[in-house]
Amino acid sequence: MNHHVVAIIPCNDLDASEAFYQRLGFKVVSDYGEYRILEDGRGWHLHLNYSPGWPPTIESNPFGLYLYVDDVDAVAEQVRELIIEEGSPNIKPWKTYEFAVSDPSGVLVRIGRMVD
């Protein structure tokens, strides 16, 4: 196994969070009731951990993810109505072509790729 990191995301509605991440290309590979492991088969790994009452308010969730992908536009089409910034995806000053969405628990999820 290659050296890598996996995010463990607390969520108060596992089914809603699972459905959201499936729209981004993830699939459940293991389900332990209150803990689900998701992957996309190409390198993305994510664990969802049932956490009742988390976050206290959607706006107070400090977590975020950045998902790197080659075809940003294809992923954007899967969640077009959820994109936060109008006119995204677009090129940012920090040299990424990206867009952002919020998961059901308020996790900010940016999807993008580096540009030259």
C-alpha atoms as a PDB file:
ATOM      1  CA  MET A   1       0.000   0.000   0.000  1.00  0.00           C
ATOM      2  CA  ASN A   2       1.287   3.450  -0.896  1.00  0.00           C
ATOM      3  CA  HIS A   3       1.770   6.103   1.737  1.00  0.00           C
ATOM      4  CA  HIS A   4      -1.478   8.108   1.854  1.00  0.00           C
ATOM      5  CA  VAL A   5      -4.005   9.806   4.118  1.00  0.00           C
ATOM      6  CA  VAL A   6      -7.754   9.277   4.454  1.00  0.00           C
ATOM      7  CA  ALA A   7     -10.192  11.845   5.812  1.00  0.00           C
ATOM      8  CA  ILE A   8     -12.694  10.717   8.448  1.00  0.00           C
ATOM      9  CA  ILE A   9     -15.714  13.004   8.175  1.00  0.00           C
ATOM     10  CA  PRO A  10     -18.233  13.275  11.022  1.00  0.00           C
ATOM     11  CA  CYS A  11     -21.815  13.492   9.773  1.00  0.00           C
ATOM     12  CA  ASN A  12     -25.216  13.568  11.394  1.00  0.00           C
ATOM     13  CA  ASP A  13     -27.027  11.846   8.495  1.00  0.00           C
ATOM     14  CA  LEU A  14     -25.023   8.982   6.997  1.00  0.00           C
ATOM     15  CA  ASP A  15     -27.504   8.285   4.214  1.00  0.00           C
ATOM     16  CA  ALA A  16     -27.586  11.923   3.051  1.00  0.00           C
ATOM     17  CA  SER A  17     -23.790  12.182   3.200  1.00  0.00           C
ATOM     18  CA  GLU A  18     -23.352   8.896   1.349  1.00  0.00           C
ATOM     19  CA  ALA A  19     -25.758  10.036  -1.391  1.00  0.00           C
ATOM     20  CA  PHE A  20     -23.894  13.359  -1.718  1.00  0.00           C
ATOM     21  CA  TYR A  21     -20.481  11.718  -2.091  1.00  0.00           C
ATOM     22  CA  GLN A  22     -21.873   9.158  -4.546  1.00  0.00           C
ATOM     23  CA  ARG A  23     -22.799  12.075  -6.815  1.00  0.00           C
ATOM     24  CA  LEU A  24     -19.110  13.030  -6.763  1.00  0.00           C
ATOM     25  CA  GLY A  25     -18.079   9.517  -7.834  1.00  0.00           C
ATOM     26  CA  PHE A  26     -17.591   7.649  -4.548  1.00  0.00           C
ATOM     27  CA  LYS A  27     -18.953   4.168  -3.832  1.00  0.00           C
ATOM     28  CA  VAL A  28     -19.412   2.453  -0.491  1.00  0.00           C
ATOM     29  CA  VAL A  29     -16.863  -0.340  -0.169  1.00  0.00           C
ATOM     30  CA  SER A  30     -17.530  -1.178   3.509  1.00  0.00           C
ATOM     31  CA  ASP A  31     -20.535  -0.470   5.731  1.00  0.00           C
ATOM     32  CA  TYR A  32     -20.255  -0.952   9.489  1.00  0.00           C
ATOM     33  CA  GLY A  33     -23.577   0.660  10.372  1.00  0.00           C
ATOM     34  CA  GLU A  34     -22.425   3.941  11.858  1.00  0.00           C
ATOM     35  CA  TYR A  35     -19.144   3.980   9.918  1.00  0.00           C
ATOM     36  CA  ARG A  36     -18.876   3.768   6.128  1.00  0.00           C
ATOM     37  CA  ILE A  37     -15.832   3.587   3.898  1.00  0.00           C
ATOM     38  CA  LEU A  38     -16.088   5.111   0.435  1.00  0.00           C
ATOM     39  CA  GLU A  39     -13.720   5.055  -2.542  1.00  0.00           C
ATOM     40  CA  ASP A  40     -13.831   6.095  -6.176  1.00  0.00           C
ATOM     41  CA  GLY A  41     -11.566   3.313  -7.472  1.00  0.00           C
ATOM     42  CA  ARG A  42      -8.938   5.795  -8.696  1.00  0.00           C
ATOM     43  CA  GLY A  43      -7.430   7.089  -5.474  1.00  0.00           C
ATOM     44  CA  TRP A  44     -10.076   8.971  -3.505  1.00  0.00           C
ATOM     45  CA  HIS A  45     -10.804   7.442  -0.091  1.00  0.00           C
ATOM     46  CA  LEU A  46     -13.218   8.806   2.483  1.00  0.00           C
ATOM     47  CA  HIS A  47     -14.642   7.512   5.749  1.00  0.00           C
ATOM     48  CA  LEU A  48     -18.004   8.706   7.069  1.00  0.00           C
ATOM     49  CA  ASN A  49     -18.501   8.518  10.831  1.00  0.00           C
ATOM     50  CA  TYR A  50     -22.003   8.939  12.295  1.00  0.00           C
ATOM     51  CA  SER A  51     -21.857  11.809  14.796  1.00  0.00           C
ATOM     52  CA  PRO A  52     -25.314  12.784  16.092  1.00  0.00           C
ATOM     53  CA  GLY A  53     -25.657  16.511  16.601  1.00  0.00           C
ATOM     54  CA  TRP A  54     -22.587  17.343  14.518  1.00  0.00           C
ATOM     55  CA  PRO A  55     -22.140  20.075  13.628  1.00  0.00           C
ATOM     56  CA  PRO A  56     -24.106  22.265  16.035  1.00  0.00           C
ATOM     57  CA  THR A  57     -24.915  24.449  13.008  1.00  0.00           C
ATOM     58  CA  ILE A  58     -23.997  23.863   9.362  1.00  0.00           C
ATOM     59  CA  GLU A  59     -22.148  27.196   9.284  1.00  0.00           C
ATOM     60  CA  SER A  60     -19.904  26.191  12.202  1.00  0.00           C
ATOM     61  CA  ASN A  61     -18.405  23.106  10.531  1.00  0.00           C
ATOM     62  CA  PRO A  62     -14.653  23.792  10.171  1.00  0.00           C
ATOM     63  CA  PHE A  63     -13.880  20.732   7.996  1.00  0.00           C
ATOM     64  CA  GLY A  64     -12.971  20.852   4.338  1.00  0.00           C
ATOM     65  CA  LEU A  65     -11.766  18.519   1.598  1.00  0.00           C
ATOM     66  CA  TYR A  66      -9.933  19.114  -1.655  1.00  0.00           C
ATOM     67  CA  LEU A  67     -10.499  16.474  -4.307  1.00  0.00           C
ATOM     68  CA  TYR A  68      -8.059  16.565  -7.214  1.00  0.00           C
ATOM     69  CA  VAL A  69      -9.439  15.269 -10.504  1.00  0.00           C
ATOM     70  CA  ASP A  70      -8.469  15.502 -14.166  1.00  0.00           C
ATOM     71  CA  ASP A  71     -11.947  16.269 -15.542  1.00  0.00           C
ATOM     72  CA  VAL A  72     -13.288  19.002 -13.258  1.00  0.00           C
ATOM     73  CA  ASP A  73     -16.135  19.848 -15.635  1.00  0.00           C
ATOM     74  CA  ALA A  74     -17.465  16.281 -15.667  1.00  0.00           C
ATOM     75  CA  VAL A  75     -17.668  16.219 -11.866  1.00  0.00           C
ATOM     76  CA  ALA A  76     -19.225  19.706 -11.824  1.00  0.00           C
ATOM     77  CA  GLU A  77     -22.024  18.466 -14.085  1.00  0.00           C
ATOM     78  CA  GLN A  78     -22.950  15.856 -11.459  1.00  0.00           C
ATOM     79  CA  VAL A  79     -23.556  18.543  -8.802  1.00  0.00           C
ATOM     80  CA  ARG A  80     -24.196  21.693 -10.870  1.00  0.00           C
ATOM     81  CA  GLU A  81     -27.091  22.948  -8.695  1.00  0.00           C
ATOM     82  CA  LEU A  82     -24.987  22.609  -5.522  1.00  0.00           C
ATOM     83  CA  ILE A  83     -22.025  24.716  -6.677  1.00  0.00           C
ATOM     84  CA  ILE A  84     -21.515  27.577  -4.236  1.00  0.00           C
ATOM     85  CA  GLU A  85     -19.809  30.199  -6.393  1.00  0.00           C
ATOM     86  CA  GLU A  86     -21.701  31.370  -9.467  1.00  0.00           C
ATOM     87  CA  GLY A  87     -19.711  30.906 -12.669  1.00  0.00           C
ATOM     88  CA  SER A  88     -17.632  28.029 -11.305  1.00  0.00           C
ATOM     89  CA  PRO A  89     -15.634  26.071 -12.103  1.00  0.00           C
ATOM     90  CA  ASN A  90     -13.076  28.728 -12.919  1.00  0.00           C
ATOM     91  CA  ILE A  91      -9.363  29.428 -12.611  1.00  0.00           C
ATOM     92  CA  LYS A  92      -8.343  30.796  -9.221  1.00  0.00           C
ATOM     93  CA  PRO A  93      -5.379  33.099  -8.510  1.00  0.00           C
ATOM     94  CA  TRP A  94      -3.616  30.160  -6.825  1.00  0.00           C
ATOM     95  CA  LYS A  95      -3.481  28.360 -10.206  1.00  0.00           C
ATOM     96  CA  THR A  96      -6.259  25.810  -9.844  1.00  0.00           C
ATOM     97  CA  TYR A  97      -9.337  25.250 -11.975  1.00  0.00           C
ATOM     98  CA  GLU A  98     -11.989  24.435  -9.379  1.00  0.00           C
ATOM     99  CA  PHE A  99     -15.430  24.724  -7.863  1.00  0.00           C
ATOM    100  CA  ALA A 100     -16.821  24.218  -4.367  1.00  0.00           C
ATOM    101  CA  VAL A 101     -19.868  22.537  -2.857  1.00  0.00           C
ATOM    102  CA  SER A 102     -20.998  21.890   0.708  1.00  0.00           C
ATOM    103  CA  ASP A 103     -21.883  18.410   1.922  1.00  0.00           C
ATOM    104  CA  PRO A 104     -25.027  17.796   4.044  1.00  0.00           C
ATOM    105  CA  SER A 105     -23.061  18.413   7.270  1.00  0.00           C
ATOM    106  CA  GLY A 106     -21.446  21.625   6.032  1.00  0.00           C
ATOM    107  CA  VAL A 107     -18.067  20.234   4.956  1.00  0.00           C
ATOM    108  CA  LEU A 108     -16.638  22.515   2.265  1.00  0.00           C
ATOM    109  CA  VAL A 109     -15.607  20.309  -0.657  1.00  0.00           C
ATOM    110  CA  ARG A 110     -13.442  21.819  -3.380  1.00  0.00           C
ATOM    111  CA  ILE A 111     -12.929  19.863  -6.594  1.00  0.00           C
ATOM    112  CA  GLY A 112     -10.197  20.936  -8.958  1.00  0.00           C
ATOM    113  CA  ARG A 113      -6.917  20.485 -10.753  1.00  0.00           C
ATOM    114  CA  MET A 114      -3.677  22.436 -11.088  1.00  0.00           C
ATOM    115  CA  VAL A 115      -3.256  24.634 -14.165  1.00  0.00           C
ATOM    116  CA  ASP A 116      -0.116  26.074 -15.751  1.00  0.00           C
END
